[in-house]
Amino acid sequence: DAVVLKDPNETNKYIVRRLAAIEGSEMVSSDEKDKLFVLEKDSNQEMKSKEAYDSRTFGPISMADIVGRAIYCLRTAVDHGPVSNSELAMEEDSPILAVELDVDEMAKDHKA
């Protein structure tokens, strides 16, 4: 699932990344130089597509640094929609999106 988390390097900033693994998961890379490792308790690994600013840059983060699941993405007033998460997460989030989402209000305060 995509999550909002505290930026490990900038305390007043948040970033959105997709969870790649949670505690106890073995992380394997297609790059032979990278070593296999197991995530420690209360930590997770998140990644963005391609080489980006994510756990490959700043390492595993604490579960406490996750603010919540990202359920809707607003890029512009005409480019927006639900975030593709796991089937279970999307099922849980659908009532929130149906009742609480106000795209016009979000777009009004959006900074492109």
PDB file of N, CA and C in Angstrom:
ATOM      1  N   ASP A   1       0.834  -1.190   0.000  1.00  0.00           N
ATOM      2  CA  ASP A   1       0.000   0.000   0.000  1.00  0.00           C
ATOM      3  C   ASP A   1       0.874   1.247   0.000  1.00  0.00           C
ATOM      4  N   ALA A   2       0.334   2.331  -0.509  1.00  0.00           N
ATOM      5  CA  ALA A   2       1.017   3.623  -0.470  1.00  0.00           C
ATOM      6  C   ALA A   2       0.740   4.266   0.882  1.00  0.00           C
ATOM      7  N   VAL A   3       1.792   4.802   1.498  1.00  0.00           N
ATOM      8  CA  VAL A   3       1.647   5.410   2.816  1.00  0.00           C
ATOM      9  C   VAL A   3       2.253   6.806   2.831  1.00  0.00           C
ATOM     10  N   VAL A   4       1.734   7.632   3.743  1.00  0.00           N
ATOM     11  CA  VAL A   4       2.312   8.945   4.021  1.00  0.00           C
ATOM     12  C   VAL A   4       3.232   8.746   5.214  1.00  0.00           C
ATOM     13  N   LEU A   5       4.471   9.219   5.089  1.00  0.00           N
ATOM     14  CA  LEU A   5       5.405   9.068   6.194  1.00  0.00           C
ATOM     15  C   LEU A   5       6.224  10.328   6.392  1.00  0.00           C
ATOM     16  N   LYS A   6       6.752  10.466   7.598  1.00  0.00           N
ATOM     17  CA  LYS A   6       7.612  11.602   7.909  1.00  0.00           C
ATOM     18  C   LYS A   6       8.910  11.437   7.138  1.00  0.00           C
ATOM     19  N   ASP A   7       9.350  12.517   6.498  1.00  0.00           N
ATOM     20  CA  ASP A   7      10.622  12.488   5.788  1.00  0.00           C
ATOM     21  C   ASP A   7      11.735  12.314   6.823  1.00  0.00           C
ATOM     22  N   PRO A   8      12.565  11.275   6.699  1.00  0.00           N
ATOM     23  CA  PRO A   8      13.606  11.033   7.701  1.00  0.00           C
ATOM     24  C   PRO A   8      14.657  12.137   7.777  1.00  0.00           C
ATOM     25  N   ASN A   9      14.770  12.945   6.725  1.00  0.00           N
ATOM     26  CA  ASN A   9      15.807  13.977   6.689  1.00  0.00           C
ATOM     27  C   ASN A   9      15.285  15.399   6.842  1.00  0.00           C
ATOM     28  N   GLU A  10      13.978  15.593   6.741  1.00  0.00           N
ATOM     29  CA  GLU A  10      13.389  16.926   6.898  1.00  0.00           C
ATOM     30  C   GLU A  10      12.183  16.804   7.816  1.00  0.00           C
ATOM     31  N   THR A  11      12.320  17.279   9.051  1.00  0.00           N
ATOM     32  CA  THR A  11      11.308  17.041  10.082  1.00  0.00           C
ATOM     33  C   THR A  11       9.937  17.621   9.775  1.00  0.00           C
ATOM     34  N   ASN A  12       9.849  18.682   9.003  1.00  0.00           N
ATOM     35  CA  ASN A  12       8.553  19.309   8.716  1.00  0.00           C
ATOM     36  C   ASN A  12       7.976  18.885   7.375  1.00  0.00           C
ATOM     37  N   LYS A  13       8.491  17.827   6.789  1.00  0.00           N
ATOM     38  CA  LYS A  13       8.059  17.402   5.462  1.00  0.00           C
ATOM     39  C   LYS A  13       7.533  15.969   5.514  1.00  0.00           C
ATOM     40  N   TYR A  14       6.564  15.684   4.652  1.00  0.00           N
ATOM     41  CA  TYR A  14       6.009  14.336   4.527  1.00  0.00           C
ATOM     42  C   TYR A  14       6.196  13.872   3.092  1.00  0.00           C
ATOM     43  N   ILE A  15       6.349  12.563   2.916  1.00  0.00           N
ATOM     44  CA  ILE A  15       6.483  11.988   1.584  1.00  0.00           C
ATOM     45  C   ILE A  15       5.524  10.805   1.459  1.00  0.00           C
ATOM     46  N   VAL A  16       5.188  10.456   0.233  1.00  0.00           N
ATOM     47  CA  VAL A  16       4.326   9.302  -0.033  1.00  0.00           C
ATOM     48  C   VAL A  16       5.179   8.251  -0.733  1.00  0.00           C
ATOM     49  N   ARG A  17       5.173   7.054  -0.180  1.00  0.00           N
ATOM     50  CA  ARG A  17       5.923   5.949  -0.756  1.00  0.00           C
ATOM     51  C   ARG A  17       5.113   4.668  -0.622  1.00  0.00           C
ATOM     52  N   ARG A  18       5.391   3.704  -1.474  1.00  0.00           N
ATOM     53  CA  ARG A  18       4.719   2.404  -1.425  1.00  0.00           C
ATOM     54  C   ARG A  18       5.530   1.464  -0.539  1.00  0.00           C
ATOM     55  N   LEU A  19       4.845   0.806   0.416  1.00  0.00           N
ATOM     56  CA  LEU A  19       5.529  -0.153   1.290  1.00  0.00           C
ATOM     57  C   LEU A  19       6.023  -1.325   0.459  1.00  0.00           C
ATOM     58  N   ALA A  20       7.278  -1.667   0.637  1.00  0.00           N
ATOM     59  CA  ALA A  20       7.848  -2.816  -0.060  1.00  0.00           C
ATOM     60  C   ALA A  20       7.943  -4.019   0.863  1.00  0.00           C
ATOM     61  N   ALA A  21       8.092  -3.767   2.168  1.00  0.00           N
ATOM     62  CA  ALA A  21       8.230  -4.866   3.129  1.00  0.00           C
ATOM     63  C   ALA A  21       8.033  -4.338   4.543  1.00  0.00           C
ATOM     64  N   ILE A  22       7.645  -5.241   5.439  1.00  0.00           N
ATOM     65  CA  ILE A  22       7.501  -4.887   6.851  1.00  0.00           C
ATOM     66  C   ILE A  22       8.409  -5.792   7.681  1.00  0.00           C
ATOM     67  N   GLU A  23       8.431  -5.553   8.992  1.00  0.00           N
ATOM     68  CA  GLU A  23       9.342  -6.289   9.876  1.00  0.00           C
ATOM     69  C   GLU A  23       9.312  -7.790   9.618  1.00  0.00           C
ATOM     70  N   GLY A  24      10.499  -8.386   9.651  1.00  0.00           N
ATOM     71  CA  GLY A  24      10.626  -9.824   9.446  1.00  0.00           C
ATOM     72  C   GLY A  24      10.769 -10.239   7.994  1.00  0.00           C
ATOM     73  N   SER A  25      10.519  -9.320   7.070  1.00  0.00           N
ATOM     74  CA  SER A  25      10.629  -9.642   5.643  1.00  0.00           C
ATOM     75  C   SER A  25      12.091  -9.674   5.210  1.00  0.00           C
ATOM     76  N   GLU A  26      12.414 -10.611   4.318  1.00  0.00           N
ATOM     77  CA  GLU A  26      13.745 -10.645   3.723  1.00  0.00           C
ATOM     78  C   GLU A  26      13.746  -9.729   2.514  1.00  0.00           C
ATOM     79  N   MET A  27      14.743  -8.876   2.435  1.00  0.00           N
ATOM     80  CA  MET A  27      14.874  -7.974   1.295  1.00  0.00           C
ATOM     81  C   MET A  27      15.961  -8.511   0.374  1.00  0.00           C
ATOM     82  N   VAL A  28      15.590  -8.748  -0.872  1.00  0.00           N
ATOM     83  CA  VAL A  28      16.504  -9.268  -1.872  1.00  0.00           C
ATOM     84  C   VAL A  28      16.546  -8.266  -3.011  1.00  0.00           C
ATOM     85  N   SER A  29      17.731  -8.022  -3.547  1.00  0.00           N
ATOM     86  CA  SER A  29      17.895  -7.064  -4.636  1.00  0.00           C
ATOM     87  C   SER A  29      18.301  -7.785  -5.912  1.00  0.00           C
ATOM     88  N   SER A  30      17.951  -7.202  -7.040  1.00  0.00           N
ATOM     89  CA  SER A  30      18.407  -7.745  -8.318  1.00  0.00           C
ATOM     90  C   SER A  30      19.859  -7.342  -8.583  1.00  0.00           C
ATOM     91  N   ASP A  31      20.369  -6.389  -7.798  1.00  0.00           N
ATOM     92  CA  ASP A  31      21.761  -5.962  -7.909  1.00  0.00           C
ATOM     93  C   ASP A  31      22.621  -6.884  -7.046  1.00  0.00           C
ATOM     94  N   GLU A  32      23.542  -7.610  -7.670  1.00  0.00           N
ATOM     95  CA  GLU A  32      24.360  -8.585  -6.944  1.00  0.00           C
ATOM     96  C   GLU A  32      25.221  -7.951  -5.859  1.00  0.00           C
ATOM     97  N   LYS A  33      25.492  -6.642  -5.950  1.00  0.00           N
ATOM     98  CA  LYS A  33      26.308  -5.958  -4.940  1.00  0.00           C
ATOM     99  C   LYS A  33      25.544  -5.780  -3.631  1.00  0.00           C
ATOM    100  N   ASP A  34      24.218  -5.760  -3.706  1.00  0.00           N
ATOM    101  CA  ASP A  34      23.400  -5.590  -2.505  1.00  0.00           C
ATOM    102  C   ASP A  34      23.288  -6.909  -1.760  1.00  0.00           C
ATOM    103  N   LYS A  35      23.403  -6.829  -0.431  1.00  0.00           N
ATOM    104  CA  LYS A  35      23.304  -8.035   0.393  1.00  0.00           C
ATOM    105  C   LYS A  35      21.878  -8.233   0.885  1.00  0.00           C
ATOM    106  N   LEU A  36      21.492  -9.494   1.044  1.00  0.00           N
ATOM    107  CA  LEU A  36      20.201  -9.858   1.615  1.00  0.00           C
ATOM    108  C   LEU A  36      20.164  -9.396   3.068  1.00  0.00           C
ATOM    109  N   PHE A  37      19.028  -8.864   3.509  1.00  0.00           N
ATOM    110  CA  PHE A  37      18.878  -8.522   4.922  1.00  0.00           C
ATOM    111  C   PHE A  37      17.434  -8.716   5.337  1.00  0.00           C
ATOM    112  N   VAL A  38      17.222  -8.860   6.658  1.00  0.00           N
ATOM    113  CA  VAL A  38      15.892  -9.038   7.226  1.00  0.00           C
ATOM    114  C   VAL A  38      15.554  -7.786   8.015  1.00  0.00           C
ATOM    115  N   LEU A  39      14.355  -7.254   7.804  1.00  0.00           N
ATOM    116  CA  LEU A  39      13.951  -6.040   8.514  1.00  0.00           C
ATOM    117  C   LEU A  39      13.727  -6.322   9.994  1.00  0.00           C
ATOM    118  N   GLU A  40      14.200  -5.409  10.823  1.00  0.00           N
ATOM    119  CA  GLU A  40      14.066  -5.538  12.272  1.00  0.00           C
ATOM    120  C   GLU A  40      12.642  -5.231  12.717  1.00  0.00           C
ATOM    121  N   LYS A  41      12.341  -5.565  13.970  1.00  0.00           N
ATOM    122  CA  LYS A  41      11.025  -5.308  14.562  1.00  0.00           C
ATOM    123  C   LYS A  41      10.698  -3.819  14.476  1.00  0.00           C
ATOM    124  N   ASP A  42       9.441  -3.511  14.188  1.00  0.00           N
ATOM    125  CA  ASP A  42       8.922  -2.142  14.094  1.00  0.00           C
ATOM    126  C   ASP A  42       9.592  -1.308  13.010  1.00  0.00           C
ATOM    127  N   SER A  43      10.115  -1.936  11.977  1.00  0.00           N
ATOM    128  CA  SER A  43      10.674  -1.169  10.864  1.00  0.00           C
ATOM    129  C   SER A  43      10.045  -1.643   9.564  1.00  0.00           C
ATOM    130  N   ASN A  44      10.168  -0.822   8.537  1.00  0.00           N
ATOM    131  CA  ASN A  44       9.631  -1.195   7.235  1.00  0.00           C
ATOM    132  C   ASN A  44      10.504  -0.623   6.149  1.00  0.00           C
ATOM    133  N   GLN A  45      10.303  -1.103   4.950  1.00  0.00           N
ATOM    134  CA  GLN A  45      11.051  -0.657   3.784  1.00  0.00           C
ATOM    135  C   GLN A  45      10.034  -0.142   2.789  1.00  0.00           C
ATOM    136  N   GLU A  46      10.240   1.069   2.287  1.00  0.00           N
ATOM    137  CA  GLU A  46       9.330   1.592   1.289  1.00  0.00           C
ATOM    138  C   GLU A  46      10.128   1.993   0.065  1.00  0.00           C
ATOM    139  N   MET A  47       9.447   1.985  -1.071  1.00  0.00           N
ATOM    140  CA  MET A  47      10.130   2.291  -2.317  1.00  0.00           C
ATOM    141  C   MET A  47       9.220   3.056  -3.251  1.00  0.00           C
ATOM    142  N   LYS A  48       9.859   3.833  -4.078  1.00  0.00           N
ATOM    143  CA  LYS A  48       9.200   4.530  -5.160  1.00  0.00           C
ATOM    144  C   LYS A  48       9.733   3.877  -6.435  1.00  0.00           C
ATOM    145  N   SER A  49       8.953   3.921  -7.496  1.00  0.00           N
ATOM    146  CA  SER A  49       9.413   3.284  -8.727  1.00  0.00           C
ATOM    147  C   SER A  49      10.712   3.930  -9.203  1.00  0.00           C
ATOM    148  N   LYS A  50      11.508   3.151  -9.866  1.00  0.00           N
ATOM    149  CA  LYS A  50      12.823   3.554 -10.358  1.00  0.00           C
ATOM    150  C   LYS A  50      13.720   3.927  -9.180  1.00  0.00           C
ATOM    151  N   GLU A  51      14.875   4.451  -9.469  1.00  0.00           N
ATOM    152  CA  GLU A  51      15.786   4.900  -8.408  1.00  0.00           C
ATOM    153  C   GLU A  51      15.281   6.244  -7.912  1.00  0.00           C
ATOM    154  N   ALA A  52      14.939   6.308  -6.648  1.00  0.00           N
ATOM    155  CA  ALA A  52      14.338   7.520  -6.107  1.00  0.00           C
ATOM    156  C   ALA A  52      14.738   7.693  -4.651  1.00  0.00           C
ATOM    157  N   TYR A  53      14.246   8.763  -4.058  1.00  0.00           N
ATOM    158  CA  TYR A  53      14.463   9.054  -2.645  1.00  0.00           C
ATOM    159  C   TYR A  53      13.524   8.168  -1.839  1.00  0.00           C
ATOM    160  N   ASP A  54      14.040   7.052  -1.338  1.00  0.00           N
ATOM    161  CA  ASP A  54      13.241   6.095  -0.579  1.00  0.00           C
ATOM    162  C   ASP A  54      14.166   5.316   0.343  1.00  0.00           C
ATOM    163  N   SER A  55      13.746   4.173   0.842  1.00  0.00           N
ATOM    164  CA  SER A  55      14.559   3.398   1.791  1.00  0.00           C
ATOM    165  C   SER A  55      15.898   2.964   1.214  1.00  0.00           C
ATOM    166  N   ARG A  56      16.020   2.917  -0.095  1.00  0.00           N
ATOM    167  CA  ARG A  56      17.327   2.613  -0.675  1.00  0.00           C
ATOM    168  C   ARG A  56      18.304   3.746  -0.403  1.00  0.00           C
ATOM    169  N   THR A  57      17.780   4.956  -0.177  1.00  0.00           N
ATOM    170  CA  THR A  57      18.604   6.121   0.135  1.00  0.00           C
ATOM    171  C   THR A  57      18.786   6.291   1.633  1.00  0.00           C
ATOM    172  N   PHE A  58      17.678   6.271   2.391  1.00  0.00           N
ATOM    173  CA  PHE A  58      17.755   6.591   3.817  1.00  0.00           C
ATOM    174  C   PHE A  58      17.583   5.394   4.739  1.00  0.00           C
ATOM    175  N   GLY A  59      17.458   4.190   4.208  1.00  0.00           N
ATOM    176  CA  GLY A  59      17.362   2.990   5.036  1.00  0.00           C
ATOM    177  C   GLY A  59      15.955   2.744   5.553  1.00  0.00           C
ATOM    178  N   PRO A  60      15.767   1.625   6.261  1.00  0.00           N
ATOM    179  CA  PRO A  60      14.450   1.309   6.820  1.00  0.00           C
ATOM    180  C   PRO A  60      13.995   2.401   7.786  1.00  0.00           C
ATOM    181  N   ILE A  61      12.692   2.603   7.868  1.00  0.00           N
ATOM    182  CA  ILE A  61      12.165   3.597   8.805  1.00  0.00           C
ATOM    183  C   ILE A  61      11.293   2.910   9.849  1.00  0.00           C
ATOM    184  N   SER A  62      11.079   3.607  10.942  1.00  0.00           N
ATOM    185  CA  SER A  62      10.250   3.092  12.028  1.00  0.00           C
ATOM    186  C   SER A  62       8.780   3.111  11.621  1.00  0.00           C
ATOM    187  N   MET A  63       8.033   2.120  12.083  1.00  0.00           N
ATOM    188  CA  MET A  63       6.588   2.097  11.837  1.00  0.00           C
ATOM    189  C   MET A  63       5.934   3.341  12.437  1.00  0.00           C
ATOM    190  N   ALA A  64       6.532   3.892  13.493  1.00  0.00           N
ATOM    191  CA  ALA A  64       5.990   5.091  14.142  1.00  0.00           C
ATOM    192  C   ALA A  64       6.047   6.309  13.227  1.00  0.00           C
ATOM    193  N   ASP A  65       6.882   6.270  12.192  1.00  0.00           N
ATOM    194  CA  ASP A  65       6.990   7.399  11.265  1.00  0.00           C
ATOM    195  C   ASP A  65       5.954   7.358  10.149  1.00  0.00           C
ATOM    196  N   ILE A  66       5.146   6.306  10.106  1.00  0.00           N
ATOM    197  CA  ILE A  66       4.065   6.244   9.124  1.00  0.00           C
ATOM    198  C   ILE A  66       2.868   6.997   9.680  1.00  0.00           C
ATOM    199  N   VAL A  67       2.389   7.982   8.919  1.00  0.00           N
ATOM    200  CA  VAL A  67       1.243   8.786   9.333  1.00  0.00           C
ATOM    201  C   VAL A  67      -0.052   8.047   9.010  1.00  0.00           C
ATOM    202  N   GLY A  68      -0.108   7.416   7.858  1.00  0.00           N
ATOM    203  CA  GLY A  68      -1.304   6.683   7.458  1.00  0.00           C
ATOM    204  C   GLY A  68      -1.219   6.251   6.011  1.00  0.00           C
ATOM    205  N   ARG A  69      -2.252   5.573   5.559  1.00  0.00           N
ATOM    206  CA  ARG A  69      -2.299   5.095   4.178  1.00  0.00           C
ATOM    207  C   ARG A  69      -2.761   6.234   3.270  1.00  0.00           C
ATOM    208  N   ALA A  70      -2.120   6.375   2.120  1.00  0.00           N
ATOM    209  CA  ALA A  70      -2.556   7.344   1.112  1.00  0.00           C
ATOM    210  C   ALA A  70      -3.724   6.717   0.356  1.00  0.00           C
ATOM    211  N   ILE A  71      -4.864   7.420   0.304  1.00  0.00           N
ATOM    212  CA  ILE A  71      -6.037   6.827  -0.348  1.00  0.00           C
ATOM    213  C   ILE A  71      -6.511   7.623  -1.564  1.00  0.00           C
ATOM    214  N   TYR A  72      -6.031   8.862  -1.725  1.00  0.00           N
ATOM    215  CA  TYR A  72      -6.465   9.675  -2.854  1.00  0.00           C
ATOM    216  C   TYR A  72      -5.315  10.567  -3.280  1.00  0.00           C
ATOM    217  N   CYS A  73      -5.128  10.734  -4.566  1.00  0.00           N
ATOM    218  CA  CYS A  73      -4.048  11.564  -5.101  1.00  0.00           C
ATOM    219  C   CYS A  73      -4.638  12.702  -5.925  1.00  0.00           C
ATOM    220  N   LEU A  74      -4.241  13.918  -5.594  1.00  0.00           N
ATOM    221  CA  LEU A  74      -4.677  15.100  -6.337  1.00  0.00           C
ATOM    222  C   LEU A  74      -3.445  15.760  -6.932  1.00  0.00           C
ATOM    223  N   ARG A  75      -3.266  15.605  -8.237  1.00  0.00           N
ATOM    224  CA  ARG A  75      -2.141  16.261  -8.914  1.00  0.00           C
ATOM    225  C   ARG A  75      -2.556  17.651  -9.373  1.00  0.00           C
ATOM    226  N   THR A  76      -3.710  17.719 -10.029  1.00  0.00           N
ATOM    227  CA  THR A  76      -4.289  18.993 -10.469  1.00  0.00           C
ATOM    228  C   THR A  76      -5.804  18.876 -10.318  1.00  0.00           C
ATOM    229  N   ALA A  77      -6.509  19.954 -10.622  1.00  0.00           N
ATOM    230  CA  ALA A  77      -7.972  19.937 -10.515  1.00  0.00           C
ATOM    231  C   ALA A  77      -8.608  18.916 -11.464  1.00  0.00           C
ATOM    232  N   VAL A  78      -7.904  18.544 -12.531  1.00  0.00           N
ATOM    233  CA  VAL A  78      -8.459  17.569 -13.479  1.00  0.00           C
ATOM    234  C   VAL A  78      -7.727  16.226 -13.459  1.00  0.00           C
ATOM    235  N   ASP A  79      -6.600  16.151 -12.792  1.00  0.00           N
ATOM    236  CA  ASP A  79      -5.824  14.912 -12.711  1.00  0.00           C
ATOM    237  C   ASP A  79      -5.803  14.437 -11.263  1.00  0.00           C
ATOM    238  N   HIS A  80      -6.770  13.580 -10.926  1.00  0.00           N
ATOM    239  CA  HIS A  80      -6.875  13.079  -9.556  1.00  0.00           C
ATOM    240  C   HIS A  80      -7.663  11.781  -9.536  1.00  0.00           C
ATOM    241  N   GLY A  81      -7.510  11.032  -8.454  1.00  0.00           N
ATOM    242  CA  GLY A  81      -8.260   9.788  -8.310  1.00  0.00           C
ATOM    243  C   GLY A  81      -7.769   8.967  -7.142  1.00  0.00           C
ATOM    244  N   PRO A  82      -8.491   7.887  -6.831  1.00  0.00           N
ATOM    245  CA  PRO A  82      -8.091   7.012  -5.727  1.00  0.00           C
ATOM    246  C   PRO A  82      -6.717   6.389  -5.988  1.00  0.00           C
ATOM    247  N   VAL A  83      -5.963   6.177  -4.935  1.00  0.00           N
ATOM    248  CA  VAL A  83      -4.665   5.516  -5.026  1.00  0.00           C
ATOM    249  C   VAL A  83      -4.902   4.010  -5.114  1.00  0.00           C
ATOM    250  N   SER A  84      -4.175   3.331  -5.990  1.00  0.00           N
ATOM    251  CA  SER A  84      -4.279   1.870  -6.096  1.00  0.00           C
ATOM    252  C   SER A  84      -3.503   1.232  -4.955  1.00  0.00           C
ATOM    253  N   ASN A  85      -4.223   0.696  -4.002  1.00  0.00           N
ATOM    254  CA  ASN A  85      -3.640  -0.025  -2.880  1.00  0.00           C
ATOM    255  C   ASN A  85      -4.099  -1.471  -2.958  1.00  0.00           C
ATOM    256  N   SER A  86      -3.822  -2.251  -1.935  1.00  0.00           N
ATOM    257  CA  SER A  86      -4.266  -3.644  -1.918  1.00  0.00           C
ATOM    258  C   SER A  86      -5.791  -3.694  -1.985  1.00  0.00           C
ATOM    259  N   GLU A  87      -6.310  -4.805  -2.433  1.00  0.00           N
ATOM    260  CA  GLU A  87      -7.762  -4.960  -2.556  1.00  0.00           C
ATOM    261  C   GLU A  87      -8.459  -4.727  -1.216  1.00  0.00           C
ATOM    262  N   LEU A  88      -7.907  -5.276  -0.141  1.00  0.00           N
ATOM    263  CA  LEU A  88      -8.491  -5.099   1.189  1.00  0.00           C
ATOM    264  C   LEU A  88      -8.475  -3.625   1.605  1.00  0.00           C
ATOM    265  N   ALA A  89      -7.357  -2.945   1.385  1.00  0.00           N
ATOM    266  CA  ALA A  89      -7.255  -1.532   1.754  1.00  0.00           C
ATOM    267  C   ALA A  89      -8.257  -0.690   0.969  1.00  0.00           C
ATOM    268  N   MET A  90      -8.387  -0.954  -0.317  1.00  0.00           N
ATOM    269  CA  MET A  90      -9.316  -0.174  -1.135  1.00  0.00           C
ATOM    270  C   MET A  90     -10.757  -0.416  -0.699  1.00  0.00           C
ATOM    271  N   GLU A  91     -11.055  -1.645  -0.289  1.00  0.00           N
ATOM    272  CA  GLU A  91     -12.394  -1.950   0.215  1.00  0.00           C
ATOM    273  C   GLU A  91     -12.656  -1.178   1.516  1.00  0.00           C
ATOM    274  N   GLU A  92     -11.662  -1.144   2.407  1.00  0.00           N
ATOM    275  CA  GLU A  92     -11.804  -0.409   3.668  1.00  0.00           C
ATOM    276  C   GLU A  92     -11.915   1.099   3.441  1.00  0.00           C
ATOM    277  N   ASP A  93     -11.229   1.609   2.425  1.00  0.00           N
ATOM    278  CA  ASP A  93     -11.187   3.049   2.179  1.00  0.00           C
ATOM    279  C   ASP A  93     -12.385   3.568   1.390  1.00  0.00           C
ATOM    280  N   SER A  94     -13.100   2.704   0.681  1.00  0.00           N
ATOM    281  CA  SER A  94     -14.185   3.167  -0.192  1.00  0.00           C
ATOM    282  C   SER A  94     -15.268   3.954   0.544  1.00  0.00           C
ATOM    283  N   PRO A  95     -15.696   3.588   1.769  1.00  0.00           N
ATOM    284  CA  PRO A  95     -16.703   4.409   2.453  1.00  0.00           C
ATOM    285  C   PRO A  95     -16.186   5.814   2.792  1.00  0.00           C
ATOM    286  N   ILE A  96     -14.912   5.911   3.112  1.00  0.00           N
ATOM    287  CA  ILE A  96     -14.325   7.222   3.415  1.00  0.00           C
ATOM    288  C   ILE A  96     -14.338   8.087   2.167  1.00  0.00           C
ATOM    289  N   LEU A  97     -13.913   7.515   1.050  1.00  0.00           N
ATOM    290  CA  LEU A  97     -13.900   8.269  -0.200  1.00  0.00           C
ATOM    291  C   LEU A  97     -15.311   8.662  -0.621  1.00  0.00           C
ATOM    292  N   ALA A  98     -16.274   7.789  -0.393  1.00  0.00           N
ATOM    293  CA  ALA A  98     -17.658   8.056  -0.805  1.00  0.00           C
ATOM    294  C   ALA A  98     -18.302   9.162   0.018  1.00  0.00           C
ATOM    295  N   VAL A  99     -17.975   9.258   1.299  1.00  0.00           N
ATOM    296  CA  VAL A  99     -18.672  10.185   2.189  1.00  0.00           C
ATOM    297  C   VAL A  99     -17.861  11.436   2.514  1.00  0.00           C
ATOM    298  N   GLU A 100     -16.561  11.280   2.737  1.00  0.00           N
ATOM    299  CA  GLU A 100     -15.779  12.389   3.260  1.00  0.00           C
ATOM    300  C   GLU A 100     -14.976  13.160   2.230  1.00  0.00           C
ATOM    301  N   LEU A 101     -14.773  12.620   1.051  1.00  0.00           N
ATOM    302  CA  LEU A 101     -13.922  13.268   0.059  1.00  0.00           C
ATOM    303  C   LEU A 101     -14.626  14.450  -0.587  1.00  0.00           C
ATOM    304  N   ASP A 102     -13.986  15.614  -0.556  1.00  0.00           N
ATOM    305  CA  ASP A 102     -14.489  16.817  -1.220  1.00  0.00           C
ATOM    306  C   ASP A 102     -13.383  17.319  -2.148  1.00  0.00           C
ATOM    307  N   VAL A 103     -13.412  16.875  -3.402  1.00  0.00           N
ATOM    308  CA  VAL A 103     -12.364  17.208  -4.365  1.00  0.00           C
ATOM    309  C   VAL A 103     -12.268  18.709  -4.579  1.00  0.00           C
ATOM    310  N   ASP A 104     -13.406  19.407  -4.644  1.00  0.00           N
ATOM    311  CA  ASP A 104     -13.377  20.857  -4.842  1.00  0.00           C
ATOM    312  C   ASP A 104     -12.628  21.550  -3.706  1.00  0.00           C
ATOM    313  N   GLU A 105     -12.865  21.108  -2.481  1.00  0.00           N
ATOM    314  CA  GLU A 105     -12.180  21.685  -1.319  1.00  0.00           C
ATOM    315  C   GLU A 105     -10.683  21.375  -1.367  1.00  0.00           C
ATOM    316  N   MET A 106     -10.339  20.143  -1.741  1.00  0.00           N
ATOM    317  CA  MET A 106      -8.924  19.778  -1.861  1.00  0.00           C
ATOM    318  C   MET A 106      -8.237  20.614  -2.934  1.00  0.00           C
ATOM    319  N   ALA A 107      -8.883  20.778  -4.071  1.00  0.00           N
ATOM    320  CA  ALA A 107      -8.292  21.515  -5.185  1.00  0.00           C
ATOM    321  C   ALA A 107      -8.100  22.985  -4.842  1.00  0.00           C
ATOM    322  N   LYS A 108      -8.994  23.523  -4.031  1.00  0.00           N
ATOM    323  CA  LYS A 108      -8.916  24.937  -3.646  1.00  0.00           C
ATOM    324  C   LYS A 108      -7.617  25.227  -2.888  1.00  0.00           C
ATOM    325  N   ASP A 109      -7.202  24.307  -2.044  1.00  0.00           N
ATOM    326  CA  ASP A 109      -6.012  24.500  -1.224  1.00  0.00           C
ATOM    327  C   ASP A 109      -4.760  23.857  -1.814  1.00  0.00           C
ATOM    328  N   HIS A 110      -4.881  23.231  -2.976  1.00  0.00           N
ATOM    329  CA  HIS A 110      -3.775  22.482  -3.575  1.00  0.00           C
ATOM    330  C   HIS A 110      -2.717  23.411  -4.151  1.00  0.00           C
ATOM    331  N   LYS A 111      -1.464  23.057  -3.879  1.00  0.00           N
ATOM    332  CA  LYS A 111      -0.331  23.781  -4.462  1.00  0.00           C
ATOM    333  C   LYS A 111       0.318  22.872  -5.485  1.00  0.00           C
ATOM    334  N   ALA A 112       0.283  23.242  -6.728  1.00  0.00           N
ATOM    335  CA  ALA A 112       0.851  22.400  -7.790  1.00  0.00           C
ATOM    336  C   ALA A 112       2.348  22.529  -7.847  1.00  0.00           C
TER     337      ALA A 112
END
